[in-house]
Amino acid sequence: EEALSYYSKDLNIGLKALGSDHPSVGSTYNNMALVYKKQGDKGKAKDFFEKALRIFQEKLGDDHPHTKIVQELLNNL
């Protein structure tokens, strides 16, 4: 829960400072997804992985390592 609290603060700062489609925001979504996955909440994990994946695909492309990692995590959920 503590990790999610910090990631939520990070997300709010990132959204305000960088915008909703910045790769740093995508990284925060990915980190939050990992926490939800570890907690066993696959539904929330899936939502956050999908948000991260969309940003990475649009901004970094399908062949970027970040995109590939999130796609793999989502596929293995």
PDB file of N, CA and C in Angstrom:
ATOM      1  N   GLU A   1       0.822  -1.202   0.000  1.00  0.00           N
ATOM      2  CA  GLU A   1       0.000   0.000   0.000  1.00  0.00           C
ATOM      3  C   GLU A   1       0.860   1.259   0.000  1.00  0.00           C
ATOM      4  N   GLU A   2       1.972   1.212   0.717  1.00  0.00           N
ATOM      5  CA  GLU A   2       2.853   2.375   0.776  1.00  0.00           C
ATOM      6  C   GLU A   2       3.419   2.690  -0.612  1.00  0.00           C
ATOM      7  N   ALA A   3       3.803   1.638  -1.330  1.00  0.00           N
ATOM      8  CA  ALA A   3       4.345   1.833  -2.680  1.00  0.00           C
ATOM      9  C   ALA A   3       3.304   2.486  -3.580  1.00  0.00           C
ATOM     10  N   LEU A   4       2.065   2.031  -3.494  1.00  0.00           N
ATOM     11  CA  LEU A   4       1.011   2.613  -4.323  1.00  0.00           C
ATOM     12  C   LEU A   4       0.782   4.082  -3.986  1.00  0.00           C
ATOM     13  N   SER A   5       0.911   4.421  -2.719  1.00  0.00           N
ATOM     14  CA  SER A   5       0.752   5.809  -2.308  1.00  0.00           C
ATOM     15  C   SER A   5       1.816   6.687  -2.972  1.00  0.00           C
ATOM     16  N   TYR A   6       3.052   6.225  -2.952  1.00  0.00           N
ATOM     17  CA  TYR A   6       4.134   6.992  -3.577  1.00  0.00           C
ATOM     18  C   TYR A   6       3.974   7.052  -5.093  1.00  0.00           C
ATOM     19  N   TYR A   7       3.586   5.929  -5.693  1.00  0.00           N
ATOM     20  CA  TYR A   7       3.393   5.925  -7.150  1.00  0.00           C
ATOM     21  C   TYR A   7       2.232   6.830  -7.554  1.00  0.00           C
ATOM     22  N   SER A   8       1.190   6.882  -6.740  1.00  0.00           N
ATOM     23  CA  SER A   8       0.057   7.770  -7.039  1.00  0.00           C
ATOM     24  C   SER A   8       0.492   9.233  -7.024  1.00  0.00           C
ATOM     25  N   LYS A   9       1.319   9.587  -6.034  1.00  0.00           N
ATOM     26  CA  LYS A   9       1.844  10.953  -5.984  1.00  0.00           C
ATOM     27  C   LYS A   9       2.712  11.236  -7.203  1.00  0.00           C
ATOM     28  N   ASP A  10       3.565  10.270  -7.545  1.00  0.00           N
ATOM     29  CA  ASP A  10       4.423  10.405  -8.721  1.00  0.00           C
ATOM     30  C   ASP A  10       3.582  10.565  -9.982  1.00  0.00           C
ATOM     31  N   LEU A  11       2.524   9.787 -10.091  1.00  0.00           N
ATOM     32  CA  LEU A  11       1.646   9.863 -11.256  1.00  0.00           C
ATOM     33  C   LEU A  11       1.006  11.241 -11.373  1.00  0.00           C
ATOM     34  N   ASN A  12       0.503  11.759 -10.272  1.00  0.00           N
ATOM     35  CA  ASN A  12      -0.126  13.083 -10.303  1.00  0.00           C
ATOM     36  C   ASN A  12       0.858  14.166 -10.723  1.00  0.00           C
ATOM     37  N   ILE A  13       2.069  14.104 -10.210  1.00  0.00           N
ATOM     38  CA  ILE A  13       3.100  15.073 -10.585  1.00  0.00           C
ATOM     39  C   ILE A  13       3.436  14.932 -12.071  1.00  0.00           C
ATOM     40  N   GLY A  14       3.624  13.690 -12.511  1.00  0.00           N
ATOM     41  CA  GLY A  14       3.962  13.437 -13.910  1.00  0.00           C
ATOM     42  C   GLY A  14       2.881  13.902 -14.864  1.00  0.00           C
ATOM     43  N   LEU A  15       1.646  13.633 -14.520  1.00  0.00           N
ATOM     44  CA  LEU A  15       0.541  14.057 -15.380  1.00  0.00           C
ATOM     45  C   LEU A  15       0.496  15.577 -15.505  1.00  0.00           C
ATOM     46  N   LYS A  16       0.694  16.278 -14.393  1.00  0.00           N
ATOM     47  CA  LYS A  16       0.661  17.743 -14.420  1.00  0.00           C
ATOM     48  C   LYS A  16       1.863  18.326 -15.153  1.00  0.00           C
ATOM     49  N   ALA A  17       3.035  17.774 -14.894  1.00  0.00           N
ATOM     50  CA  ALA A  17       4.265  18.354 -15.434  1.00  0.00           C
ATOM     51  C   ALA A  17       4.575  17.911 -16.861  1.00  0.00           C
ATOM     52  N   LEU A  18       4.231  16.669 -17.198  1.00  0.00           N
ATOM     53  CA  LEU A  18       4.677  16.092 -18.467  1.00  0.00           C
ATOM     54  C   LEU A  18       3.547  15.780 -19.440  1.00  0.00           C
ATOM     55  N   GLY A  19       2.352  15.601 -18.918  1.00  0.00           N
ATOM     56  CA  GLY A  19       1.223  15.233 -19.764  1.00  0.00           C
ATOM     57  C   GLY A  19       0.945  13.749 -19.697  1.00  0.00           C
ATOM     58  N   SER A  20      -0.221  13.375 -20.161  1.00  0.00           N
ATOM     59  CA  SER A  20      -0.706  12.007 -20.007  1.00  0.00           C
ATOM     60  C   SER A  20      -0.054  10.996 -20.938  1.00  0.00           C
ATOM     61  N   ASP A  21       0.717  11.468 -21.909  1.00  0.00           N
ATOM     62  CA  ASP A  21       1.297  10.530 -22.869  1.00  0.00           C
ATOM     63  C   ASP A  21       2.827  10.485 -22.808  1.00  0.00           C
ATOM     64  N   HIS A  22       3.400  10.968 -21.734  1.00  0.00           N
ATOM     65  CA  HIS A  22       4.866  10.971 -21.595  1.00  0.00           C
ATOM     66  C   HIS A  22       5.358   9.597 -21.128  1.00  0.00           C
ATOM     67  N   PRO A  23       6.465   9.111 -21.670  1.00  0.00           N
ATOM     68  CA  PRO A  23       6.991   7.808 -21.260  1.00  0.00           C
ATOM     69  C   PRO A  23       7.246   7.670 -19.756  1.00  0.00           C
ATOM     70  N   SER A  24       7.582   8.756 -19.071  1.00  0.00           N
ATOM     71  CA  SER A  24       7.757   8.668 -17.616  1.00  0.00           C
ATOM     72  C   SER A  24       6.448   8.332 -16.918  1.00  0.00           C
ATOM     73  N   VAL A  25       5.362   8.855 -17.443  1.00  0.00           N
ATOM     74  CA  VAL A  25       4.040   8.512 -16.916  1.00  0.00           C
ATOM     75  C   VAL A  25       3.760   7.032 -17.201  1.00  0.00           C
ATOM     76  N   GLY A  26       4.150   6.575 -18.377  1.00  0.00           N
ATOM     77  CA  GLY A  26       4.011   5.157 -18.709  1.00  0.00           C
ATOM     78  C   GLY A  26       4.784   4.273 -17.746  1.00  0.00           C
ATOM     79  N   SER A  27       5.963   4.696 -17.369  1.00  0.00           N
ATOM     80  CA  SER A  27       6.762   3.927 -16.412  1.00  0.00           C
ATOM     81  C   SER A  27       6.072   3.848 -15.055  1.00  0.00           C
ATOM     82  N   THR A  28       5.455   4.946 -14.644  1.00  0.00           N
ATOM     83  CA  THR A  28       4.721   4.932 -13.381  1.00  0.00           C
ATOM     84  C   THR A  28       3.525   3.988 -13.464  1.00  0.00           C
ATOM     85  N   TYR A  29       2.801   4.029 -14.578  1.00  0.00           N
ATOM     86  CA  TYR A  29       1.690   3.082 -14.757  1.00  0.00           C
ATOM     87  C   TYR A  29       2.200   1.638 -14.672  1.00  0.00           C
ATOM     88  N   ASN A  30       3.324   1.370 -15.296  1.00  0.00           N
ATOM     89  CA  ASN A  30       3.896   0.027 -15.264  1.00  0.00           C
ATOM     90  C   ASN A  30       4.252  -0.371 -13.841  1.00  0.00           C
ATOM     91  N   ASN A  31       4.882   0.526 -13.093  1.00  0.00           N
ATOM     92  CA  ASN A  31       5.247   0.224 -11.715  1.00  0.00           C
ATOM     93  C   ASN A  31       4.021  -0.041 -10.853  1.00  0.00           C
ATOM     94  N   MET A  32       2.979   0.728 -11.068  1.00  0.00           N
ATOM     95  CA  MET A  32       1.742   0.507 -10.313  1.00  0.00           C
ATOM     96  C   MET A  32       1.132  -0.842 -10.681  1.00  0.00           C
ATOM     97  N   ALA A  33       1.183  -1.191 -11.953  1.00  0.00           N
ATOM     98  CA  ALA A  33       0.672  -2.488 -12.401  1.00  0.00           C
ATOM     99  C   ALA A  33       1.419  -3.628 -11.714  1.00  0.00           C
ATOM    100  N   LEU A  34       2.726  -3.482 -11.582  1.00  0.00           N
ATOM    101  CA  LEU A  34       3.522  -4.525 -10.921  1.00  0.00           C
ATOM    102  C   LEU A  34       3.116  -4.698  -9.460  1.00  0.00           C
ATOM    103  N   VAL A  35       2.812  -3.595  -8.785  1.00  0.00           N
ATOM    104  CA  VAL A  35       2.364  -3.677  -7.397  1.00  0.00           C
ATOM    105  C   VAL A  35       1.008  -4.384  -7.328  1.00  0.00           C
ATOM    106  N   TYR A  36       0.092  -3.975  -8.199  1.00  0.00           N
ATOM    107  CA  TYR A  36      -1.228  -4.626  -8.207  1.00  0.00           C
ATOM    108  C   TYR A  36      -1.100  -6.119  -8.524  1.00  0.00           C
ATOM    109  N   LYS A  37      -0.217  -6.459  -9.437  1.00  0.00           N
ATOM    110  CA  LYS A  37      -0.004  -7.866  -9.771  1.00  0.00           C
ATOM    111  C   LYS A  37       0.489  -8.631  -8.549  1.00  0.00           C
ATOM    112  N   LYS A  38       1.440  -8.052  -7.843  1.00  0.00           N
ATOM    113  CA  LYS A  38       1.993  -8.703  -6.658  1.00  0.00           C
ATOM    114  C   LYS A  38       0.926  -8.857  -5.574  1.00  0.00           C
ATOM    115  N   GLN A  39      -0.006  -7.909  -5.520  1.00  0.00           N
ATOM    116  CA  GLN A  39      -1.095  -7.984  -4.552  1.00  0.00           C
ATOM    117  C   GLN A  39      -2.190  -8.962  -4.982  1.00  0.00           C
ATOM    118  N   GLY A  40      -2.100  -9.452  -6.204  1.00  0.00           N
ATOM    119  CA  GLY A  40      -3.090 -10.404  -6.705  1.00  0.00           C
ATOM    120  C   GLY A  40      -4.285  -9.768  -7.380  1.00  0.00           C
ATOM    121  N   ASP A  41      -4.238  -8.473  -7.613  1.00  0.00           N
ATOM    122  CA  ASP A  41      -5.347  -7.773  -8.273  1.00  0.00           C
ATOM    123  C   ASP A  41      -5.050  -7.691  -9.775  1.00  0.00           C
ATOM    124  N   LYS A  42      -5.364  -8.776 -10.466  1.00  0.00           N
ATOM    125  CA  LYS A  42      -5.042  -8.862 -11.890  1.00  0.00           C
ATOM    126  C   LYS A  42      -5.829  -7.861 -12.731  1.00  0.00           C
ATOM    127  N   GLY A  43      -7.030  -7.528 -12.312  1.00  0.00           N
ATOM    128  CA  GLY A  43      -7.845  -6.567 -13.052  1.00  0.00           C
ATOM    129  C   GLY A  43      -7.192  -5.187 -13.100  1.00  0.00           C
ATOM    130  N   LYS A  44      -6.781  -4.698 -11.940  1.00  0.00           N
ATOM    131  CA  LYS A  44      -6.123  -3.397 -11.896  1.00  0.00           C
ATOM    132  C   LYS A  44      -4.762  -3.466 -12.568  1.00  0.00           C
ATOM    133  N   ALA A  45      -4.059  -4.565 -12.364  1.00  0.00           N
ATOM    134  CA  ALA A  45      -2.746  -4.727 -13.015  1.00  0.00           C
ATOM    135  C   ALA A  45      -2.909  -4.634 -14.526  1.00  0.00           C
ATOM    136  N   LYS A  46      -3.902  -5.312 -15.066  1.00  0.00           N
ATOM    137  CA  LYS A  46      -4.149  -5.299 -16.516  1.00  0.00           C
ATOM    138  C   LYS A  46      -4.431  -3.877 -16.998  1.00  0.00           C
ATOM    139  N   ASP A  47      -5.274  -3.153 -16.268  1.00  0.00           N
ATOM    140  CA  ASP A  47      -5.603  -1.779 -16.658  1.00  0.00           C
ATOM    141  C   ASP A  47      -4.354  -0.906 -16.734  1.00  0.00           C
ATOM    142  N   PHE A  48      -3.503  -1.017 -15.735  1.00  0.00           N
ATOM    143  CA  PHE A  48      -2.318  -0.169 -15.690  1.00  0.00           C
ATOM    144  C   PHE A  48      -1.263  -0.612 -16.702  1.00  0.00           C
ATOM    145  N   PHE A  49      -1.115  -1.918 -16.907  1.00  0.00           N
ATOM    146  CA  PHE A  49      -0.201  -2.385 -17.959  1.00  0.00           C
ATOM    147  C   PHE A  49      -0.662  -1.870 -19.317  1.00  0.00           C
ATOM    148  N   GLU A  50      -1.975  -1.895 -19.569  1.00  0.00           N
ATOM    149  CA  GLU A  50      -2.500  -1.425 -20.854  1.00  0.00           C
ATOM    150  C   GLU A  50      -2.256   0.064 -21.056  1.00  0.00           C
ATOM    151  N   LYS A  51      -2.394   0.852 -19.993  1.00  0.00           N
ATOM    152  CA  LYS A  51      -2.111   2.285 -20.095  1.00  0.00           C
ATOM    153  C   LYS A  51      -0.642   2.508 -20.434  1.00  0.00           C
ATOM    154  N   ALA A  52       0.230   1.790 -19.735  1.00  0.00           N
ATOM    155  CA  ALA A  52       1.672   1.913 -19.990  1.00  0.00           C
ATOM    156  C   ALA A  52       2.001   1.486 -21.415  1.00  0.00           C
ATOM    157  N   LEU A  53       1.441   0.375 -21.838  1.00  0.00           N
ATOM    158  CA  LEU A  53       1.719  -0.145 -23.169  1.00  0.00           C
ATOM    159  C   LEU A  53       1.294   0.838 -24.248  1.00  0.00           C
ATOM    160  N   ARG A  54       0.135   1.423 -24.104  1.00  0.00           N
ATOM    161  CA  ARG A  54      -0.357   2.387 -25.100  1.00  0.00           C
ATOM    162  C   ARG A  54       0.615   3.570 -25.234  1.00  0.00           C
ATOM    163  N   ILE A  55       1.067   4.090 -24.108  1.00  0.00           N
ATOM    164  CA  ILE A  55       2.009   5.219 -24.140  1.00  0.00           C
ATOM    165  C   ILE A  55       3.309   4.795 -24.808  1.00  0.00           C
ATOM    166  N   PHE A  56       3.850   3.659 -24.393  1.00  0.00           N
ATOM    167  CA  PHE A  56       5.127   3.219 -24.949  1.00  0.00           C
ATOM    168  C   PHE A  56       5.028   2.940 -26.441  1.00  0.00           C
ATOM    169  N   GLN A  57       3.942   2.326 -26.876  1.00  0.00           N
ATOM    170  CA  GLN A  57       3.774   2.055 -28.305  1.00  0.00           C
ATOM    171  C   GLN A  57       3.717   3.357 -29.100  1.00  0.00           C
ATOM    172  N   GLU A  58       2.956   4.323 -28.599  1.00  0.00           N
ATOM    173  CA  GLU A  58       2.785   5.587 -29.317  1.00  0.00           C
ATOM    174  C   GLU A  58       4.060   6.426 -29.318  1.00  0.00           C
ATOM    175  N   LYS A  59       4.759   6.454 -28.202  1.00  0.00           N
ATOM    176  CA  LYS A  59       5.908   7.358 -28.063  1.00  0.00           C
ATOM    177  C   LYS A  59       7.254   6.707 -28.355  1.00  0.00           C
ATOM    178  N   LEU A  60       7.377   5.404 -28.095  1.00  0.00           N
ATOM    179  CA  LEU A  60       8.669   4.741 -28.247  1.00  0.00           C
ATOM    180  C   LEU A  60       8.697   3.720 -29.378  1.00  0.00           C
ATOM    181  N   GLY A  61       7.530   3.240 -29.774  1.00  0.00           N
ATOM    182  CA  GLY A  61       7.448   2.248 -30.843  1.00  0.00           C
ATOM    183  C   GLY A  61       7.410   0.828 -30.307  1.00  0.00           C
ATOM    184  N   ASP A  62       6.973  -0.080 -31.160  1.00  0.00           N
ATOM    185  CA  ASP A  62       6.794  -1.478 -30.772  1.00  0.00           C
ATOM    186  C   ASP A  62       8.102  -2.210 -30.478  1.00  0.00           C
ATOM    187  N   ASP A  63       9.203  -1.734 -31.041  1.00  0.00           N
ATOM    188  CA  ASP A  63      10.481  -2.430 -30.876  1.00  0.00           C
ATOM    189  C   ASP A  63      11.304  -1.938 -29.694  1.00  0.00           C
ATOM    190  N   HIS A  64      10.831  -0.921 -29.001  1.00  0.00           N
ATOM    191  CA  HIS A  64      11.580  -0.396 -27.860  1.00  0.00           C
ATOM    192  C   HIS A  64      11.534  -1.402 -26.697  1.00  0.00           C
ATOM    193  N   PRO A  65      12.626  -1.548 -25.954  1.00  0.00           N
ATOM    194  CA  PRO A  65      12.654  -2.502 -24.837  1.00  0.00           C
ATOM    195  C   PRO A  65      11.545  -2.288 -23.807  1.00  0.00           C
ATOM    196  N   HIS A  66      11.207  -1.041 -23.490  1.00  0.00           N
ATOM    197  CA  HIS A  66      10.134  -0.794 -22.522  1.00  0.00           C
ATOM    198  C   HIS A  66       8.806  -1.347 -23.032  1.00  0.00           C
ATOM    199  N   THR A  67       8.541  -1.116 -24.297  1.00  0.00           N
ATOM    200  CA  THR A  67       7.300  -1.607 -24.904  1.00  0.00           C
ATOM    201  C   THR A  67       7.256  -3.130 -24.863  1.00  0.00           C
ATOM    202  N   LYS A  68       8.347  -3.747 -25.233  1.00  0.00           N
ATOM    203  CA  LYS A  68       8.397  -5.216 -25.253  1.00  0.00           C
ATOM    204  C   LYS A  68       8.218  -5.812 -23.866  1.00  0.00           C
ATOM    205  N   ILE A  69       8.826  -5.197 -22.866  1.00  0.00           N
ATOM    206  CA  ILE A  69       8.709  -5.713 -21.498  1.00  0.00           C
ATOM    207  C   ILE A  69       7.269  -5.630 -21.011  1.00  0.00           C
ATOM    208  N   VAL A  70       6.626  -4.479 -21.223  1.00  0.00           N
ATOM    209  CA  VAL A  70       5.250  -4.332 -20.769  1.00  0.00           C
ATOM    210  C   VAL A  70       4.328  -5.276 -21.530  1.00  0.00           C
ATOM    211  N   GLN A  71       4.552  -5.438 -22.815  1.00  0.00           N
ATOM    212  CA  GLN A  71       3.733  -6.376 -23.596  1.00  0.00           C
ATOM    213  C   GLN A  71       3.871  -7.792 -23.042  1.00  0.00           C
ATOM    214  N   GLU A  72       5.083  -8.180 -22.702  1.00  0.00           N
ATOM    215  CA  GLU A  72       5.323  -9.522 -22.155  1.00  0.00           C
ATOM    216  C   GLU A  72       4.658  -9.676 -20.784  1.00  0.00           C
ATOM    217  N   LEU A  73       4.774  -8.659 -19.952  1.00  0.00           N
ATOM    218  CA  LEU A  73       4.128  -8.713 -18.630  1.00  0.00           C
ATOM    219  C   LEU A  73       2.612  -8.833 -18.774  1.00  0.00           C
ATOM    220  N   LEU A  74       2.056  -8.097 -19.697  1.00  0.00           N
ATOM    221  CA  LEU A  74       0.619  -8.151 -19.944  1.00  0.00           C
ATOM    222  C   LEU A  74       0.206  -9.520 -20.478  1.00  0.00           C
ATOM    223  N   ASN A  75       0.987 -10.049 -21.397  1.00  0.00           N
ATOM    224  CA  ASN A  75       0.669 -11.373 -21.954  1.00  0.00           C
ATOM    225  C   ASN A  75       0.738 -12.476 -20.906  1.00  0.00           C
ATOM    226  N   ASN A  76       1.624 -12.316 -19.925  1.00  0.00           N
ATOM    227  CA  ASN A  76       1.812 -13.344 -18.894  1.00  0.00           C
ATOM    228  C   ASN A  76       0.958 -13.129 -17.655  1.00  0.00           C
ATOM    229  N   LEU A  77       0.082 -12.153 -17.698  1.00  0.00           N
ATOM    230  CA  LEU A  77      -0.739 -11.831 -16.530  1.00  0.00           C
ATOM    231  C   LEU A  77      -1.711 -12.909 -16.220  1.00  0.00           C
TER     232      LEU A  77
END
